[in-house]
Amino acid sequence: MNEETKSQLNGLAYRIGQLNFEINDWKWLEEQLGKVKMSSDHIYGTFSSLSRILPKKAVELLDADREALQLIAPGFQMRAWDTHRLARMLLLLNLRDLMEADYVQVLNHLFDYADISEMVALYSSLIVLEYPDHWKSVCVEGIRMNIGLVHEAIMYDNPYPFFYLDNAAWNQLILKAIFNDMQLAYIVGIYARMNEPLISALLDYVAEREAAGRTVSLPVRELLSLSEKNYSFNMN
């Protein structure tokens, strides 16, 4: 993201925050955001403790804000977000002025010591983090975890994998989603990034399922049907 887009995202995120927190809760969060802006060390305690201070409820977006979010970060949605995840993303956005080494150090610490809900917030926010190329290995590590909520945070409504993962990591993500029976329709760019190694792996998967007398989900067949039109593979 360029600086103008980042500023637009910050403004939109603040507006969404104001709409989703009561006055006193938003006042507390604003104070924490200011403290993080002044000293990044403040984020460590606040990132964890906010779940004990702020109420947790589903995030609601105005139609105009939902449309604005798509213009700023295509594919990025807050469809299943709660207010704790939103608050944590706002904290992360207030680290953007750090130098790269300091920024990476703070984020690595957060990833290393995160509980599940904190992991979800971090992985959901990959697309808004500074120095996006740095987080490729972190994203791949999350894909390899056997934690369903982390997989959803990475795969659902999150454009980071589409834009930054190489084909090997992308293919691993798609295969993991299929093996775990996840909602393929929520994966940003799944059709646009079909590639021959992935199609070959999916054909092997279908053949193994059919040989074992097991069903193949409709979304997988739709992926292959589309691919048959663009690649020289025979599904029969």
Protein backbone atom coordinates (compact mmCIF):
# COMPACT_ATOMS: atom_id res chain seq x y z
CA MET A 1 0.00 0.00 0.00
CA ASN A 2 1.20 3.52 -0.73
CA GLU A 3 1.06 6.25 1.90
CA GLU A 4 -2.24 7.66 0.67
CA THR A 5 -3.89 4.24 0.80
CA LYS A 6 -2.51 3.61 4.28
CA SER A 7 -3.95 6.92 5.47
CA GLN A 8 -7.32 6.04 3.96
CA LEU A 9 -7.24 2.66 5.68
CA ASN A 10 -6.36 4.22 9.03
CA GLY A 11 -9.21 6.69 8.73
CA LEU A 12 -11.68 4.00 7.74
CA ALA A 13 -10.55 1.67 10.54
CA TYR A 14 -11.00 4.45 13.08
CA ARG A 15 -14.48 5.20 11.78
CA ILE A 16 -15.44 1.53 11.98
CA GLY A 17 -14.05 1.44 15.52
CA GLN A 18 -16.07 4.46 16.60
CA LEU A 19 -19.23 2.84 15.28
CA ASN A 20 -18.62 -0.47 17.07
CA PHE A 21 -17.60 0.64 20.56
CA GLU A 22 -19.56 2.46 23.22
CA ILE A 23 -18.26 5.93 24.09
CA ASN A 24 -16.32 4.92 27.22
CA ASP A 25 -14.84 1.83 25.57
CA TRP A 26 -13.74 3.84 22.55
CA LYS A 27 -12.25 6.49 24.83
CA TRP A 28 -10.17 3.82 26.58
CA LEU A 29 -9.05 2.33 23.26
CA GLU A 30 -8.14 5.75 21.87
CA GLU A 31 -5.95 6.34 24.92
CA GLN A 32 -4.16 3.05 24.30
CA LEU A 33 -3.68 3.90 20.63
CA GLY A 34 -2.07 7.18 21.61
CA LYS A 35 0.24 5.44 24.07
CA VAL A 36 1.29 2.89 21.43
CA LYS A 37 1.99 5.76 19.05
CA MET A 38 4.30 7.30 21.65
CA SER A 39 5.96 4.05 22.73
CA SER A 40 5.63 0.75 20.86
CA ASP A 41 6.40 -1.16 24.07
CA HIS A 42 2.91 -0.28 25.28
CA ILE A 43 1.36 -2.63 22.73
CA TYR A 44 2.61 -5.78 24.44
CA GLY A 45 0.39 -5.58 27.49
CA THR A 46 -2.52 -3.88 25.76
CA PHE A 47 -2.68 -6.40 22.92
CA SER A 48 -3.43 -9.14 25.46
CA SER A 49 -5.30 -7.26 28.17
CA LEU A 50 -7.90 -5.57 25.96
CA SER A 51 -9.95 -8.78 25.90
CA ARG A 52 -10.52 -8.32 29.65
CA ILE A 53 -11.50 -4.67 29.29
CA LEU A 54 -13.44 -4.25 26.05
CA PRO A 55 -16.75 -6.03 25.36
CA LYS A 56 -16.69 -8.62 22.61
CA LYS A 57 -19.35 -8.50 19.93
CA ALA A 58 -19.64 -8.89 16.17
CA VAL A 59 -18.26 -6.02 14.11
CA GLU A 60 -20.89 -4.23 12.04
CA LEU A 61 -20.06 -2.20 8.94
CA LEU A 62 -22.11 0.38 7.12
CA ASP A 63 -22.58 -0.41 3.45
CA ALA A 64 -20.51 2.65 2.57
CA ASP A 65 -17.65 1.49 4.79
CA ARG A 66 -17.79 -2.01 3.34
CA GLU A 67 -17.51 -0.56 -0.15
CA ALA A 68 -14.69 1.76 0.90
CA LEU A 69 -12.78 -1.17 2.37
CA GLN A 70 -12.99 -2.99 -0.96
CA LEU A 71 -11.60 0.03 -2.78
CA ILE A 72 -8.69 0.36 -0.36
CA ALA A 73 -7.87 -3.36 0.03
CA PRO A 74 -9.74 -5.47 -2.54
CA GLY A 75 -10.87 -8.79 -1.10
CA PHE A 76 -10.36 -7.72 2.52
CA GLN A 77 -13.53 -8.12 4.56
CA MET A 78 -14.52 -8.16 8.23
CA ARG A 79 -17.35 -10.60 7.72
CA ALA A 80 -16.63 -12.70 10.84
CA TRP A 81 -14.70 -10.16 12.90
CA ASP A 82 -15.37 -9.30 16.52
CA THR A 83 -14.49 -6.09 18.33
CA HIS A 84 -11.40 -7.59 19.98
CA ARG A 85 -9.94 -8.41 16.57
CA LEU A 86 -10.78 -4.93 15.34
CA ALA A 87 -9.17 -3.29 18.38
CA ARG A 88 -6.00 -5.31 17.89
CA MET A 89 -5.81 -4.32 14.23
CA LEU A 90 -6.13 -0.67 15.25
CA LEU A 91 -3.21 -1.12 17.64
CA LEU A 92 -1.14 -2.65 14.85
CA LEU A 93 -1.92 0.27 12.55
CA ASN A 94 -0.43 2.62 15.13
CA LEU A 95 3.00 1.00 14.76
CA ARG A 96 3.42 2.11 11.15
CA ASP A 97 5.90 4.93 11.95
CA LEU A 98 8.50 2.55 13.41
CA MET A 99 11.73 1.87 11.56
CA GLU A 100 11.74 -1.51 9.83
CA ALA A 101 13.99 -3.32 12.33
CA ASP A 102 11.95 -2.08 15.29
CA TYR A 103 8.66 -2.84 13.57
CA VAL A 104 9.67 -6.39 12.73
CA GLN A 105 10.94 -6.95 16.27
CA VAL A 106 7.64 -5.85 17.80
CA LEU A 107 5.54 -7.94 15.41
CA ASN A 108 7.72 -11.01 15.87
CA HIS A 109 7.27 -10.71 19.62
CA LEU A 110 3.50 -10.49 19.22
CA PHE A 111 3.42 -13.56 16.96
CA ASP A 112 5.72 -15.52 19.28
CA TYR A 113 3.65 -14.94 22.43
CA ALA A 114 0.13 -14.72 21.00
CA ASP A 115 -2.73 -16.83 22.27
CA ILE A 116 -5.26 -18.13 19.76
CA SER A 117 -7.42 -15.00 19.62
CA GLU A 118 -4.32 -12.82 19.28
CA MET A 119 -3.01 -15.07 16.49
CA VAL A 120 -6.32 -14.69 14.69
CA ALA A 121 -6.03 -10.90 14.87
CA LEU A 122 -2.43 -10.94 13.66
CA TYR A 123 -3.00 -13.28 10.73
CA SER A 124 -6.23 -11.51 9.76
CA SER A 125 -4.29 -8.24 9.63
CA LEU A 126 -1.40 -9.43 7.44
CA ILE A 127 -2.57 -7.33 4.51
CA VAL A 128 -2.37 -4.09 6.54
CA LEU A 129 1.06 -4.72 8.09
CA GLU A 130 4.11 -2.75 7.03
CA TYR A 131 6.89 -4.51 5.08
CA PRO A 132 4.52 -7.16 3.67
CA ASP A 133 7.24 -9.29 2.07
CA HIS A 134 8.65 -9.99 5.51
CA TRP A 135 5.52 -11.85 6.61
CA LYS A 136 5.53 -14.52 3.89
CA SER A 137 7.30 -17.07 6.10
CA VAL A 138 5.01 -16.18 9.01
CA CYS A 139 1.98 -16.80 6.81
CA VAL A 140 3.37 -20.15 5.65
CA GLU A 141 3.99 -21.14 9.26
CA GLY A 142 0.37 -20.35 10.06
CA ILE A 143 -0.82 -22.52 7.18
CA ARG A 144 1.21 -25.43 8.58
CA MET A 145 -0.36 -25.12 12.02
CA ASN A 146 -3.20 -27.44 12.90
CA ILE A 147 -5.35 -24.65 14.29
CA GLY A 148 -8.63 -24.16 12.47
CA LEU A 149 -9.20 -20.57 13.61
CA VAL A 150 -5.74 -19.58 12.38
CA HIS A 151 -6.44 -21.22 9.02
CA GLU A 152 -9.67 -19.25 8.72
CA ALA A 153 -7.87 -16.01 9.60
CA ILE A 154 -5.34 -16.61 6.84
CA MET A 155 -7.65 -18.04 4.21
CA TYR A 156 -11.00 -16.28 4.60
CA ASP A 157 -11.52 -12.74 3.28
CA ASN A 158 -7.77 -12.14 3.47
CA PRO A 159 -6.02 -10.98 0.28
CA TYR A 160 -2.50 -11.34 1.69
CA PRO A 161 -1.91 -14.94 0.47
CA PHE A 162 -3.17 -14.08 -3.01
CA PHE A 163 -0.82 -11.13 -3.40
CA TYR A 164 2.31 -12.34 -1.61
CA LEU A 165 2.66 -16.14 -1.42
CA ASP A 166 4.59 -17.98 -4.11
CA ASN A 167 2.90 -20.82 -5.97
CA ALA A 168 4.25 -23.55 -3.69
CA ALA A 169 2.89 -21.86 -0.56
CA TRP A 170 -0.35 -20.89 -2.29
CA ASN A 171 -0.91 -24.46 -3.45
CA GLN A 172 -0.26 -25.72 0.07
CA LEU A 173 -2.91 -23.31 1.35
CA ILE A 174 -5.51 -24.46 -1.18
CA LEU A 175 -4.85 -28.15 -0.58
CA LYS A 176 -5.01 -27.63 3.18
CA ALA A 177 -8.34 -25.86 2.76
CA ILE A 178 -9.69 -28.75 0.68
CA PHE A 179 -8.44 -31.46 3.03
CA ASN A 180 -10.00 -29.61 5.97
CA ASP A 181 -13.29 -29.08 4.12
CA MET A 182 -13.10 -25.29 4.37
CA GLN A 183 -15.18 -22.76 2.45
CA LEU A 184 -13.27 -22.29 -0.81
CA ALA A 185 -15.53 -19.43 -1.87
CA TYR A 186 -14.10 -17.27 0.94
CA ILE A 187 -10.51 -17.59 -0.31
CA VAL A 188 -9.57 -14.39 -2.13
CA GLY A 189 -8.31 -15.02 -5.66
CA ILE A 190 -8.70 -18.78 -5.65
CA TYR A 191 -9.73 -18.94 -9.31
CA ALA A 192 -7.23 -16.35 -10.50
CA ARG A 193 -4.26 -18.23 -9.07
CA MET A 194 -4.98 -21.71 -10.35
CA ASN A 195 -1.78 -23.20 -11.77
CA GLU A 196 -0.71 -26.46 -13.36
CA PRO A 197 0.95 -28.06 -10.29
CA LEU A 198 -2.14 -27.29 -8.22
CA ILE A 199 -4.47 -28.69 -10.86
CA SER A 200 -2.36 -31.83 -11.10
CA ALA A 201 -2.54 -32.26 -7.31
CA LEU A 202 -6.31 -31.76 -7.37
CA LEU A 203 -6.71 -34.34 -10.13
CA ASP A 204 -4.74 -36.83 -8.03
CA TYR A 205 -6.93 -35.97 -5.04
CA VAL A 206 -10.12 -36.56 -7.04
CA ALA A 207 -8.80 -39.85 -8.44
CA GLU A 208 -7.91 -41.10 -4.95
CA ARG A 209 -11.30 -40.11 -3.55
CA GLU A 210 -13.19 -41.77 -6.38
CA ALA A 211 -11.07 -44.92 -6.19
CA ALA A 212 -11.95 -45.16 -2.51
CA GLY A 213 -15.65 -44.66 -3.25
CA ARG A 214 -15.70 -41.26 -1.54
CA THR A 215 -17.42 -38.14 -2.79
CA VAL A 216 -15.69 -35.04 -4.15
CA SER A 217 -17.15 -31.71 -3.08
CA LEU A 218 -18.84 -29.49 -5.64
CA PRO A 219 -16.43 -26.55 -5.06
CA VAL A 220 -13.46 -28.78 -5.93
CA ARG A 221 -15.18 -29.97 -9.09
CA GLU A 222 -15.96 -26.37 -10.00
CA LEU A 223 -12.30 -25.45 -9.59
CA LEU A 224 -11.29 -28.24 -11.92
CA SER A 225 -14.06 -27.47 -14.37
CA LEU A 226 -12.78 -23.91 -14.71
CA SER A 227 -9.21 -25.14 -14.99
CA GLU A 228 -10.08 -27.56 -17.77
CA LYS A 229 -10.95 -24.54 -19.92
CA ASN A 230 -7.56 -22.91 -19.34
CA TYR A 231 -5.12 -25.79 -19.10
CA SER A 232 -4.54 -28.91 -21.16
CA PHE A 233 -5.85 -31.35 -18.56
CA ASN A 234 -8.43 -34.04 -19.14
CA MET A 235 -10.73 -34.63 -16.18
CA ASN A 236 -12.18 -37.85 -17.55
